[in-house]
PDB file of all heavy atoms in Angstrom:
ATOM      1  N   ALA A   1     257.140-146.435 112.240  1.00  0.00           N
ATOM      2  CA  ALA A   1     258.372-146.435 111.445  1.00  0.00           C
ATOM      3  C   ALA A   1     259.309-147.557 111.875  1.00  0.00           C
ATOM      4  O   ALA A   1     259.878-148.271 111.031  1.00  0.00           O
ATOM      5  CB  ALA A   1     259.085-145.090 111.582  1.00  0.00           C
ATOM      6  N   GLU A   2     259.462-147.728 113.167  1.00  0.00           N
ATOM      7  CA  GLU A   2     260.347-148.777 113.672  1.00  0.00           C
ATOM      8  C   GLU A   2     259.855-150.153 113.239  1.00  0.00           C
ATOM      9  O   GLU A   2     260.642-151.011 112.801  1.00  0.00           O
ATOM     10  CB  GLU A   2     260.430-148.710 115.194  1.00  0.00           C
ATOM     11  CG  GLU A   2     261.343-149.768 115.806  1.00  0.00           C
ATOM     12  CD  GLU A   2     261.345-149.747 117.323  1.00  0.00           C
ATOM     13  OE1 GLU A   2     260.496-149.054 117.921  1.00  0.00           O
ATOM     14  OE2 GLU A   2     262.200-150.435 117.915  1.00  0.00           O
ATOM     15  N   GLY A   3     258.543-150.373 113.341  1.00  0.00           N
ATOM     16  CA  GLY A   3     257.994-151.669 112.968  1.00  0.00           C
ATOM     17  C   GLY A   3     258.208-152.000 111.505  1.00  0.00           C
ATOM     18  O   GLY A   3     258.585-153.123 111.162  1.00  0.00           O
ATOM     19  N   VAL A   4     258.000-151.019 110.620  1.00  0.00           N
ATOM     20  CA  VAL A   4     258.182-151.269 109.196  1.00  0.00           C
ATOM     21  C   VAL A   4     259.659-151.425 108.859  1.00  0.00           C
ATOM     22  O   VAL A   4     260.043-152.290 108.054  1.00  0.00           O
ATOM     23  CB  VAL A   4     257.548-150.146 108.359  1.00  0.00           C
ATOM     24  CG1 VAL A   4     257.820-150.367 106.873  1.00  0.00           C
ATOM     25  CG2 VAL A   4     256.037-150.077 108.610  1.00  0.00           C
ATOM     26  N   ALA A   5     260.507-150.605 109.472  1.00  0.00           N
ATOM     27  CA  ALA A   5     261.947-150.690 109.202  1.00  0.00           C
ATOM     28  C   ALA A   5     262.502-152.064 109.544  1.00  0.00           C
ATOM     29  O   ALA A   5     263.413-152.558 108.871  1.00  0.00           O
ATOM     30  CB  ALA A   5     262.691-149.609 109.981  1.00  0.00           C
ATOM     31  N   ARG A   6     261.942-152.698 110.567  1.00  0.00           N
ATOM     32  CA  ARG A   6     262.425-154.016 111.002  1.00  0.00           C
ATOM     33  C   ARG A   6     261.633-155.167 110.382  1.00  0.00           C
ATOM     34  O   ARG A   6     261.900-156.334 110.657  1.00  0.00           O
ATOM     35  CB  ARG A   6     262.354-154.103 112.528  1.00  0.00           C
ATOM     36  CG  ARG A   6     263.288-153.115 113.223  1.00  0.00           C
ATOM     37  CD  ARG A   6     263.224-153.265 114.727  1.00  0.00           C
ATOM     38  NE  ARG A   6     264.150-152.358 115.404  1.00  0.00           N
ATOM     39  CZ  ARG A   6     264.312-152.269 116.711  1.00  0.00           C
ATOM     40  NH1 ARG A   6     263.596-153.058 117.510  1.00  0.00           N
ATOM     41  NH2 ARG A   6     265.170-151.421 117.238  1.00  0.00           N
ATOM     42  N   GLY A   7     260.649-154.834 109.556  1.00  0.00           N
ATOM     43  CA  GLY A   7     259.797-155.853 108.967  1.00  0.00           C
ATOM     44  C   GLY A   7     260.337-156.386 107.659  1.00  0.00           C
ATOM     45  O   GLY A   7     261.472-156.087 107.253  1.00  0.00           O
ATOM     46  N   PRO A   8     259.543-157.177 106.955  1.00  0.00           N
ATOM     47  CA  PRO A   8     259.989-157.787 105.703  1.00  0.00           C
ATOM     48  C   PRO A   8     260.213-156.737 104.615  1.00  0.00           C
ATOM     49  O   PRO A   8     259.425-155.798 104.477  1.00  0.00           O
ATOM     50  CB  PRO A   8     258.827-158.725 105.335  1.00  0.00           C
ATOM     51  CG  PRO A   8     257.639-158.149 106.034  1.00  0.00           C
ATOM     52  CD  PRO A   8     258.158-157.558 107.306  1.00  0.00           C
ATOM     53  N   ALA A   9     261.285-156.904 103.855  1.00  0.00           N
ATOM     54  CA  ALA A   9     261.613-155.973 102.762  1.00  0.00           C
ATOM     55  C   ALA A   9     261.200-156.584 101.427  1.00  0.00           C
ATOM     56  O   ALA A   9     262.004-156.682 100.493  1.00  0.00           O
ATOM     57  CB  ALA A   9     263.094-155.648 102.783  1.00  0.00           C
ATOM     58  N   ASP A  10     259.949-157.004 101.346  1.00  0.00           N
ATOM     59  CA  ASP A  10     259.467-157.656 100.134  1.00  0.00           C
ATOM     60  C   ASP A  10     258.272-156.939  99.509  1.00  0.00           C
ATOM     61  O   ASP A  10     257.623-157.461  98.608  1.00  0.00           O
ATOM     62  CB  ASP A  10     259.083-159.106 100.437  1.00  0.00           C
ATOM     63  CG  ASP A  10     258.010-159.218 101.532  1.00  0.00           C
ATOM     64  OD1 ASP A  10     257.507-158.161 101.993  1.00  0.00           O
ATOM     65  OD2 ASP A  10     257.677-160.349 101.934  1.00  0.00           O
ATOM     66  N   GLY A  11     257.985-155.736 100.005  1.00  0.00           N
ATOM     67  CA  GLY A  11     256.871-154.971  99.467  1.00  0.00           C
ATOM     68  C   GLY A  11     255.532-155.295 100.076  1.00  0.00           C
ATOM     69  O   GLY A  11     254.524-154.706  99.694  1.00  0.00           O
ATOM     70  N   SER A  12     255.487-156.201 101.037  1.00  0.00           N
ATOM     71  CA  SER A  12     254.211-156.577 101.645  1.00  0.00           C
ATOM     72  C   SER A  12     253.786-155.604 102.745  1.00  0.00           C
ATOM     73  O   SER A  12     252.612-155.536 103.096  1.00  0.00           O
ATOM     74  CB  SER A  12     254.287-157.992 102.219  1.00  0.00           C
ATOM     75  OG  SER A  12     255.245-158.067 103.268  1.00  0.00           O
ATOM     76  N   VAL A  13     254.750-154.859 103.306  1.00  0.00           N
ATOM     77  CA  VAL A  13     254.459-153.900 104.376  1.00  0.00           C
ATOM     78  C   VAL A  13     255.172-152.589 104.033  1.00  0.00           C
ATOM     79  O   VAL A  13     256.391-152.559 103.871  1.00  0.00           O
ATOM     80  CB  VAL A  13     254.928-154.405 105.752  1.00  0.00           C
ATOM     81  CG1 VAL A  13     254.553-153.406 106.836  1.00  0.00           C
ATOM     82  CG2 VAL A  13     254.338-155.769 106.063  1.00  0.00           C
ATOM     83  N   LEU A  14     254.396-151.508 103.926  1.00  0.00           N
ATOM     84  CA  LEU A  14     254.946-150.199 103.589  1.00  0.00           C
ATOM     85  C   LEU A  14     254.526-149.194 104.651  1.00  0.00           C
ATOM     86  O   LEU A  14     253.565-149.400 105.397  1.00  0.00           O
ATOM     87  CB  LEU A  14     254.445-149.756 102.212  1.00  0.00           C
ATOM     88  CG  LEU A  14     254.760-150.708 101.045  1.00  0.00           C
ATOM     89  CD1 LEU A  14     254.085-150.218  99.770  1.00  0.00           C
ATOM     90  CD2 LEU A  14     256.266-150.833 100.846  1.00  0.00           C
ATOM     91  N   PHE A  15     255.255-148.095 104.728  1.00  0.00           N
ATOM     92  CA  PHE A  15     255.058-147.083 105.759  1.00  0.00           C
ATOM     93  C   PHE A  15     254.475-145.824 105.137  1.00  0.00           C
ATOM     94  O   PHE A  15     255.030-145.292 104.180  1.00  0.00           O
ATOM     95  CB  PHE A  15     256.407-146.786 106.418  1.00  0.00           C
ATOM     96  CG  PHE A  15     256.365-145.754 107.521  1.00  0.00           C
ATOM     97  CD1 PHE A  15     255.292-145.667 108.393  1.00  0.00           C
ATOM     98  CD2 PHE A  15     257.436-144.881 107.697  1.00  0.00           C
ATOM     99  CE1 PHE A  15     255.260-144.726 109.408  1.00  0.00           C
ATOM    100  CE2 PHE A  15     257.427-143.949 108.721  1.00  0.00           C
ATOM    101  CZ  PHE A  15     256.337-143.853 109.574  1.00  0.00           C
ATOM    102  N   VAL A  16     253.335-145.369 105.661  1.00  0.00           N
ATOM    103  CA  VAL A  16     252.769-144.087 105.262  1.00  0.00           C
ATOM    104  C   VAL A  16     253.269-143.050 106.263  1.00  0.00           C
ATOM    105  O   VAL A  16     252.884-143.067 107.430  1.00  0.00           O
ATOM    106  CB  VAL A  16     251.235-144.128 105.237  1.00  0.00           C
ATOM    107  CG1 VAL A  16     250.667-142.744 104.942  1.00  0.00           C
ATOM    108  CG2 VAL A  16     250.751-145.133 104.194  1.00  0.00           C
ATOM    109  N   ALA A  17     254.146-142.168 105.806  1.00  0.00           N
ATOM    110  CA  ALA A  17     254.845-141.253 106.713  1.00  0.00           C
ATOM    111  C   ALA A  17     254.630-139.812 106.316  1.00  0.00           C
ATOM    112  O   ALA A  17     254.388-139.496 105.148  1.00  0.00           O
ATOM    113  CB  ALA A  17     256.340-141.563 106.719  1.00  0.00           C
ATOM    114  N   GLY A  18     254.752-138.940 107.300  1.00  0.00           N
ATOM    115  CA  GLY A  18     254.783-137.508 107.071  1.00  0.00           C
ATOM    116  C   GLY A  18     256.150-136.962 107.381  1.00  0.00           C
ATOM    117  O   GLY A  18     257.129-137.700 107.534  1.00  0.00           O
ATOM    118  N   ASN A  19     256.223-135.655 107.524  1.00  0.00           N
ATOM    119  CA  ASN A  19     257.508-134.992 107.756  1.00  0.00           C
ATOM    120  C   ASN A  19     258.221-135.498 109.002  1.00  0.00           C
ATOM    121  O   ASN A  19     259.441-135.686 108.988  1.00  0.00           O
ATOM    122  CB  ASN A  19     257.299-133.484 107.916  1.00  0.00           C
ATOM    123  CG  ASN A  19     256.540-132.852 106.776  1.00  0.00           C
ATOM    124  OD1 ASN A  19     255.407-133.215 106.516  1.00  0.00           O
ATOM    125  ND2 ASN A  19     257.150-131.907 106.100  1.00  0.00           N
ATOM    126  N   GLY A  20     257.458-135.708 110.084  1.00  0.00           N
ATOM    127  CA  GLY A  20     258.074-136.001 111.371  1.00  0.00           C
ATOM    128  C   GLY A  20     259.056-137.150 111.377  1.00  0.00           C
ATOM    129  O   GLY A  20     260.253-136.951 111.607  1.00  0.00           O
ATOM    130  N   PRO A  21     258.608-138.384 111.132  1.00  0.00           N
ATOM    131  CA  PRO A  21     259.525-139.530 111.228  1.00  0.00           C
ATOM    132  C   PRO A  21     260.653-139.523 110.206  1.00  0.00           C
ATOM    133  O   PRO A  21     261.718-140.077 110.454  1.00  0.00           O
ATOM    134  CB  PRO A  21     258.602-140.734 110.987  1.00  0.00           C
ATOM    135  CG  PRO A  21     257.232-140.241 111.271  1.00  0.00           C
ATOM    136  CD  PRO A  21     257.233-138.802 110.875  1.00  0.00           C
ATOM    137  N   ILE A  22     260.439-138.865 109.052  1.00  0.00           N
ATOM    138  CA  ILE A  22     261.424-138.922 107.982  1.00  0.00           C
ATOM    139  C   ILE A  22     262.353-137.715 107.965  1.00  0.00           C
ATOM    140  O   ILE A  22     263.580-137.863 107.821  1.00  0.00           O
ATOM    141  CB  ILE A  22     260.718-139.048 106.616  1.00  0.00           C
ATOM    142  CG1 ILE A  22     259.841-140.309 106.566  1.00  0.00           C
ATOM    143  CG2 ILE A  22     261.733-139.055 105.477  1.00  0.00           C
ATOM    144  CD1 ILE A  22     260.597-141.610 106.712  1.00  0.00           C
ATOM    145  N   SER A  23     261.813-136.516 108.131  1.00  0.00           N
ATOM    146  CA  SER A  23     262.606-135.298 107.929  1.00  0.00           C
ATOM    147  C   SER A  23     262.956-134.543 109.201  1.00  0.00           C
ATOM    148  O   SER A  23     263.906-133.759 109.204  1.00  0.00           O
ATOM    149  CB  SER A  23     261.857-134.332 106.997  1.00  0.00           C
ATOM    150  OG  SER A  23     261.626-134.899 105.742  1.00  0.00           O
ATOM    151  N   ILE A  24     262.171-134.735 110.266  1.00  0.00           N
ATOM    152  CA  ILE A  24     262.304-133.860 111.435  1.00  0.00           C
ATOM    153  C   ILE A  24     262.940-134.552 112.634  1.00  0.00           C
ATOM    154  O   ILE A  24     263.902-134.053 113.225  1.00  0.00           O
ATOM    155  CB  ILE A  24     260.928-133.298 111.840  1.00  0.00           C
ATOM    156  CG1 ILE A  24     260.346-132.459 110.698  1.00  0.00           C
ATOM    157  CG2 ILE A  24     261.039-132.457 113.104  1.00  0.00           C
ATOM    158  CD1 ILE A  24     258.946-131.928 110.972  1.00  0.00           C
ATOM    159  N   ASN A  25     262.413-135.725 113.011  1.00  0.00           N
ATOM    160  CA  ASN A  25     262.798-136.333 114.288  1.00  0.00           C
ATOM    161  C   ASN A  25     264.290-136.605 114.423  1.00  0.00           C
ATOM    162  O   ASN A  25     264.840-136.566 115.522  1.00  0.00           O
ATOM    163  CB  ASN A  25     262.017-137.635 114.515  1.00  0.00           C
ATOM    164  CG  ASN A  25     260.537-137.375 114.743  1.00  0.00           C
ATOM    165  OD1 ASN A  25     260.125-136.262 115.031  1.00  0.00           O
ATOM    166  ND2 ASN A  25     259.727-138.401 114.598  1.00  0.00           N
ATOM    167  N   LYS A  26     264.962-136.876 113.320  1.00  0.00           N
ATOM    168  CA  LYS A  26     266.397-137.159 113.384  1.00  0.00           C
ATOM    169  C   LYS A  26     267.193-135.955 113.859  1.00  0.00           C
ATOM    170  O   LYS A  26     268.337-136.106 114.323  1.00  0.00           O
ATOM    171  CB  LYS A  26     266.908-137.630 112.025  1.00  0.00           C
ATOM    172  CG  LYS A  26     266.790-136.599 110.907  1.00  0.00           C
ATOM    173  CD  LYS A  26     267.219-137.204 109.584  1.00  0.00           C
ATOM    174  CE  LYS A  26     267.092-136.202 108.433  1.00  0.00           C
ATOM    175  NZ  LYS A  26     267.493-136.816 107.149  1.00  0.00           N
TER     176      LYS A  26
END
């Protein structure tokens, strides 16, 4: 998640995520 969040925002790199990084860890 950290790598994609800091990467290019041009659609070339996307994050496949589950509940943990998006809904739970915060």
